[in-house]
N, C-alpha and C. Protein backbone atom coordinates (compact mmCIF):
# COMPACT_ATOMS: atom_id res chain seq x y z
N MET A 1 8.81 -19.60 26.03
CA MET A 1 8.45 -18.20 25.97
C MET A 1 8.96 -17.55 24.69
N GLU A 2 10.14 -17.92 24.26
CA GLU A 2 10.71 -17.33 23.04
C GLU A 2 9.85 -17.66 21.83
N ASP A 3 9.34 -18.89 21.73
CA ASP A 3 8.49 -19.26 20.61
C ASP A 3 7.23 -18.42 20.57
N TYR A 4 6.66 -18.16 21.75
CA TYR A 4 5.45 -17.35 21.81
C TYR A 4 5.72 -15.94 21.29
N ASN A 5 6.82 -15.33 21.74
CA ASN A 5 7.16 -13.98 21.30
C ASN A 5 7.44 -13.95 19.81
N ARG A 6 8.09 -14.96 19.31
CA ARG A 6 8.38 -15.01 17.88
C ARG A 6 7.08 -15.07 17.08
N ASN A 7 6.13 -15.87 17.53
CA ASN A 7 4.85 -15.97 16.85
C ASN A 7 4.10 -14.64 16.88
N CYS A 8 4.14 -13.96 18.01
CA CYS A 8 3.47 -12.67 18.11
C CYS A 8 4.09 -11.67 17.14
N THR A 9 5.39 -11.68 17.04
CA THR A 9 6.07 -10.76 16.14
C THR A 9 5.66 -11.02 14.71
N CYS A 10 5.59 -12.28 14.33
CA CYS A 10 5.19 -12.63 12.96
C CYS A 10 3.77 -12.14 12.67
N GLU A 11 2.88 -12.39 13.61
CA GLU A 11 1.50 -11.95 13.42
C GLU A 11 1.42 -10.44 13.33
N GLN A 12 2.20 -9.74 14.14
CA GLN A 12 2.18 -8.28 14.09
C GLN A 12 2.73 -7.79 12.76
N ASN A 13 3.80 -8.43 12.25
CA ASN A 13 4.35 -8.03 10.96
C ASN A 13 3.34 -8.24 9.85
N GLU A 14 2.65 -9.37 9.86
CA GLU A 14 1.64 -9.63 8.84
C GLU A 14 0.50 -8.63 8.95
N GLN A 15 0.11 -8.30 10.17
CA GLN A 15 -0.95 -7.31 10.36
C GLN A 15 -0.49 -5.96 9.82
N THR A 16 0.74 -5.61 10.08
CA THR A 16 1.27 -4.36 9.58
C THR A 16 1.25 -4.34 8.06
N ARG A 17 1.62 -5.45 7.44
CA ARG A 17 1.59 -5.53 5.98
C ARG A 17 0.16 -5.36 5.47
N ALA A 18 -0.77 -6.04 6.10
CA ALA A 18 -2.17 -5.93 5.69
C ALA A 18 -2.70 -4.51 5.91
N ASP A 19 -2.33 -3.91 7.03
CA ASP A 19 -2.76 -2.53 7.31
C ASP A 19 -2.19 -1.56 6.27
N MET A 20 -0.91 -1.74 5.94
CA MET A 20 -0.29 -0.88 4.94
C MET A 20 -0.99 -1.03 3.59
N PHE A 21 -1.25 -2.27 3.20
CA PHE A 21 -1.89 -2.53 1.92
C PHE A 21 -3.30 -1.95 1.87
N GLU A 22 -4.03 -2.08 2.97
CA GLU A 22 -5.39 -1.52 3.05
C GLU A 22 -5.34 0.01 2.95
N ARG A 23 -4.38 0.63 3.61
CA ARG A 23 -4.24 2.09 3.55
C ARG A 23 -3.89 2.54 2.13
N ILE A 24 -3.02 1.79 1.46
CA ILE A 24 -2.66 2.10 0.08
C ILE A 24 -3.90 2.07 -0.81
N LYS A 25 -4.74 1.06 -0.64
CA LYS A 25 -5.97 0.97 -1.44
C LYS A 25 -6.90 2.14 -1.15
N CYS A 26 -7.04 2.52 0.12
CA CYS A 26 -7.91 3.63 0.49
C CYS A 26 -7.39 4.95 -0.10
N LEU A 27 -6.09 5.16 0.01
CA LEU A 27 -5.51 6.39 -0.55
C LEU A 27 -5.69 6.45 -2.06
N ASN A 28 -5.48 5.33 -2.73
CA ASN A 28 -5.65 5.28 -4.18
C ASN A 28 -7.09 5.63 -4.56
N PHE A 29 -8.04 5.10 -3.83
CA PHE A 29 -9.45 5.41 -4.09
C PHE A 29 -9.72 6.91 -3.88
N ALA A 30 -9.24 7.46 -2.76
CA ALA A 30 -9.49 8.86 -2.45
C ALA A 30 -8.86 9.79 -3.49
N ILE A 31 -7.64 9.47 -3.92
CA ILE A 31 -6.95 10.28 -4.92
C ILE A 31 -7.72 10.27 -6.24
N THR A 32 -8.19 9.10 -6.64
CA THR A 32 -8.95 8.98 -7.89
C THR A 32 -10.25 9.76 -7.82
N GLU A 33 -10.97 9.60 -6.73
CA GLU A 33 -12.26 10.30 -6.59
C GLU A 33 -12.08 11.81 -6.49
N LEU A 34 -11.07 12.24 -5.75
CA LEU A 34 -10.80 13.68 -5.67
C LEU A 34 -10.41 14.23 -7.03
N GLY A 35 -9.66 13.46 -7.81
CA GLY A 35 -9.29 13.89 -9.16
C GLY A 35 -10.52 14.07 -10.04
N LEU A 36 -11.45 13.15 -9.93
CA LEU A 36 -12.69 13.27 -10.71
C LEU A 36 -13.50 14.49 -10.26
N TYR A 37 -13.58 14.69 -8.95
CA TYR A 37 -14.29 15.84 -8.41
C TYR A 37 -13.64 17.14 -8.89
N LEU A 38 -12.32 17.18 -8.87
CA LEU A 38 -11.60 18.39 -9.26
C LEU A 38 -11.72 18.69 -10.75
N ASP A 39 -12.09 17.70 -11.55
CA ASP A 39 -12.33 17.95 -12.97
C ASP A 39 -13.45 18.98 -13.17
N THR A 40 -14.41 18.97 -12.26
CA THR A 40 -15.55 19.89 -12.39
C THR A 40 -15.57 20.97 -11.30
N HIS A 41 -14.69 20.87 -10.32
CA HIS A 41 -14.63 21.84 -9.22
C HIS A 41 -13.18 22.25 -8.98
N ASN A 42 -12.53 22.75 -10.03
CA ASN A 42 -11.10 23.01 -9.98
C ASN A 42 -10.70 24.18 -9.09
N ASP A 43 -11.66 24.87 -8.52
CA ASP A 43 -11.33 25.98 -7.63
C ASP A 43 -11.56 25.64 -6.16
N ASP A 44 -11.85 24.39 -5.85
CA ASP A 44 -12.08 23.94 -4.48
C ASP A 44 -10.74 23.71 -3.78
N GLU A 45 -10.31 24.70 -3.01
CA GLU A 45 -8.99 24.66 -2.36
C GLU A 45 -8.86 23.50 -1.38
N LYS A 46 -9.93 23.21 -0.67
CA LYS A 46 -9.90 22.10 0.31
C LYS A 46 -9.64 20.78 -0.41
N ALA A 47 -10.32 20.55 -1.52
CA ALA A 47 -10.14 19.31 -2.29
C ALA A 47 -8.74 19.24 -2.89
N ILE A 48 -8.22 20.37 -3.35
CA ILE A 48 -6.86 20.41 -3.90
C ILE A 48 -5.84 20.05 -2.81
N CYS A 49 -6.02 20.62 -1.63
CA CYS A 49 -5.11 20.32 -0.52
C CYS A 49 -5.18 18.84 -0.12
N LEU A 50 -6.39 18.31 -0.05
CA LEU A 50 -6.54 16.89 0.27
C LEU A 50 -5.89 16.01 -0.79
N HIS A 51 -6.07 16.36 -2.06
CA HIS A 51 -5.47 15.59 -3.15
C HIS A 51 -3.95 15.58 -3.02
N ARG A 52 -3.36 16.72 -2.73
CA ARG A 52 -1.90 16.81 -2.54
C ARG A 52 -1.45 16.00 -1.34
N LYS A 53 -2.18 16.14 -0.24
CA LYS A 53 -1.83 15.42 1.00
C LYS A 53 -1.90 13.91 0.78
N TYR A 54 -3.00 13.43 0.20
CA TYR A 54 -3.15 11.99 -0.02
C TYR A 54 -2.14 11.47 -1.04
N SER A 55 -1.83 12.27 -2.06
CA SER A 55 -0.85 11.85 -3.06
C SER A 55 0.54 11.70 -2.44
N LYS A 56 0.89 12.63 -1.58
CA LYS A 56 2.19 12.55 -0.89
C LYS A 56 2.24 11.32 0.01
N GLU A 57 1.20 11.11 0.80
CA GLU A 57 1.14 9.95 1.70
C GLU A 57 1.17 8.64 0.90
N TYR A 58 0.47 8.62 -0.23
CA TYR A 58 0.44 7.43 -1.09
C TYR A 58 1.84 7.10 -1.60
N ARG A 59 2.55 8.12 -2.11
CA ARG A 59 3.92 7.90 -2.61
C ARG A 59 4.83 7.37 -1.51
N GLU A 60 4.76 8.00 -0.34
CA GLU A 60 5.61 7.59 0.78
C GLU A 60 5.29 6.17 1.23
N LEU A 61 4.01 5.86 1.34
CA LEU A 61 3.60 4.54 1.82
C LEU A 61 3.91 3.44 0.80
N THR A 62 3.68 3.71 -0.48
CA THR A 62 4.00 2.69 -1.49
C THR A 62 5.51 2.46 -1.56
N ASP A 63 6.30 3.51 -1.43
CA ASP A 63 7.76 3.33 -1.41
C ASP A 63 8.18 2.46 -0.22
N LYS A 64 7.63 2.77 0.94
CA LYS A 64 7.96 2.01 2.15
C LYS A 64 7.52 0.55 2.01
N TYR A 65 6.31 0.34 1.53
CA TYR A 65 5.78 -1.02 1.36
C TYR A 65 6.67 -1.82 0.41
N GLN A 66 7.03 -1.23 -0.71
CA GLN A 66 7.78 -1.94 -1.74
C GLN A 66 9.21 -2.24 -1.31
N LYS A 67 9.79 -1.40 -0.48
CA LYS A 67 11.13 -1.68 0.03
C LYS A 67 11.13 -2.91 0.92
N VAL A 68 10.04 -3.13 1.62
CA VAL A 68 9.95 -4.26 2.55
C VAL A 68 9.37 -5.51 1.87
N TYR A 69 8.28 -5.36 1.12
CA TYR A 69 7.53 -6.50 0.61
C TYR A 69 7.64 -6.74 -0.88
N GLY A 70 8.26 -5.84 -1.62
CA GLY A 70 8.39 -6.00 -3.06
C GLY A 70 7.38 -5.15 -3.81
N PRO A 71 7.45 -5.19 -5.14
CA PRO A 71 6.62 -4.31 -5.97
C PRO A 71 5.13 -4.61 -5.85
N LEU A 72 4.34 -3.54 -5.94
CA LEU A 72 2.88 -3.66 -5.91
C LEU A 72 2.32 -3.99 -7.29
N THR A 73 2.94 -3.43 -8.32
CA THR A 73 2.51 -3.69 -9.69
C THR A 73 3.74 -3.84 -10.57
N ILE A 74 3.53 -4.23 -11.80
CA ILE A 74 4.62 -4.41 -12.75
C ILE A 74 5.29 -3.09 -13.12
N GLN A 75 4.61 -1.95 -12.89
CA GLN A 75 5.16 -0.65 -13.22
C GLN A 75 6.30 -0.23 -12.30
N PHE A 76 6.41 -0.86 -11.13
CA PHE A 76 7.46 -0.51 -10.18
C PHE A 76 8.68 -1.38 -10.44
N PRO A 77 9.81 -0.77 -10.77
CA PRO A 77 11.00 -1.56 -11.08
C PRO A 77 11.57 -2.24 -9.83
N CYS A 78 12.16 -3.38 -10.06
CA CYS A 78 12.84 -4.08 -8.97
C CYS A 78 13.91 -4.98 -9.58
N ASN A 79 14.80 -5.42 -8.75
CA ASN A 79 15.88 -6.28 -9.22
C ASN A 79 15.52 -7.76 -9.15
N LYS A 80 14.42 -8.06 -8.50
CA LYS A 80 14.06 -9.45 -8.27
C LYS A 80 12.55 -9.59 -8.25
N TRP A 81 12.05 -10.62 -8.84
CA TRP A 81 10.61 -10.88 -8.85
C TRP A 81 10.25 -11.65 -7.59
N ARG A 82 10.06 -10.91 -6.49
CA ARG A 82 9.88 -11.53 -5.17
C ARG A 82 8.62 -12.37 -5.07
N TRP A 83 7.58 -12.04 -5.83
CA TRP A 83 6.33 -12.79 -5.68
C TRP A 83 6.48 -14.23 -6.16
N ILE A 84 7.50 -14.52 -6.94
CA ILE A 84 7.74 -15.89 -7.38
C ILE A 84 8.16 -16.76 -6.21
N GLU A 85 8.82 -16.16 -5.21
CA GLU A 85 9.32 -16.90 -4.05
C GLU A 85 8.23 -17.19 -3.02
N GLU A 86 7.15 -16.44 -3.04
CA GLU A 86 6.09 -16.60 -2.04
C GLU A 86 4.99 -17.49 -2.60
N PRO A 87 4.17 -18.07 -1.71
CA PRO A 87 3.06 -18.88 -2.18
C PRO A 87 2.06 -18.04 -2.98
N TRP A 88 1.54 -18.62 -4.04
CA TRP A 88 0.50 -17.97 -4.83
C TRP A 88 -0.80 -18.02 -4.05
N PRO A 89 -1.78 -17.16 -4.38
CA PRO A 89 -3.04 -17.15 -3.60
C PRO A 89 -3.69 -18.52 -3.47
N TRP A 90 -3.66 -19.32 -4.51
CA TRP A 90 -4.28 -20.65 -4.45
C TRP A 90 -3.43 -21.66 -3.69
N GLU A 91 -2.21 -21.24 -3.32
CA GLU A 91 -1.33 -22.08 -2.50
C GLU A 91 -1.32 -21.60 -1.05
N GLY A 92 -2.21 -20.69 -0.73
CA GLY A 92 -2.31 -20.19 0.64
C GLY A 92 -1.59 -18.88 0.89
N GLY A 93 -1.16 -18.19 -0.17
CA GLY A 93 -0.50 -16.88 -0.03
C GLY A 93 -1.48 -15.83 0.46
N ASN A 94 -0.94 -14.76 1.01
CA ASN A 94 -1.77 -13.70 1.58
C ASN A 94 -2.45 -12.83 0.55
N PHE A 95 -1.77 -12.56 -0.58
CA PHE A 95 -2.33 -11.65 -1.56
C PHE A 95 -2.51 -12.33 -2.88
């Protein structure tokens, strides 16, 4: 029974990582598109509020993700290059 629970936990953790990464990509897309829209509609209060909301959520989620899984890009500082320790995509890695 313990092995089964351990496997479920691992799968849930991986799903959580994938869900977080997918949300980060969606937020990044929305922020970029809203920014482009606001270039020509700078008085749209609803779009401004959404841009602020998504930007805040993006910062919080990327910080949380990186504390657990390591940096998303080279621009994020870290003390260790964690991706070197994990399998590369062609070696069966997740990302």
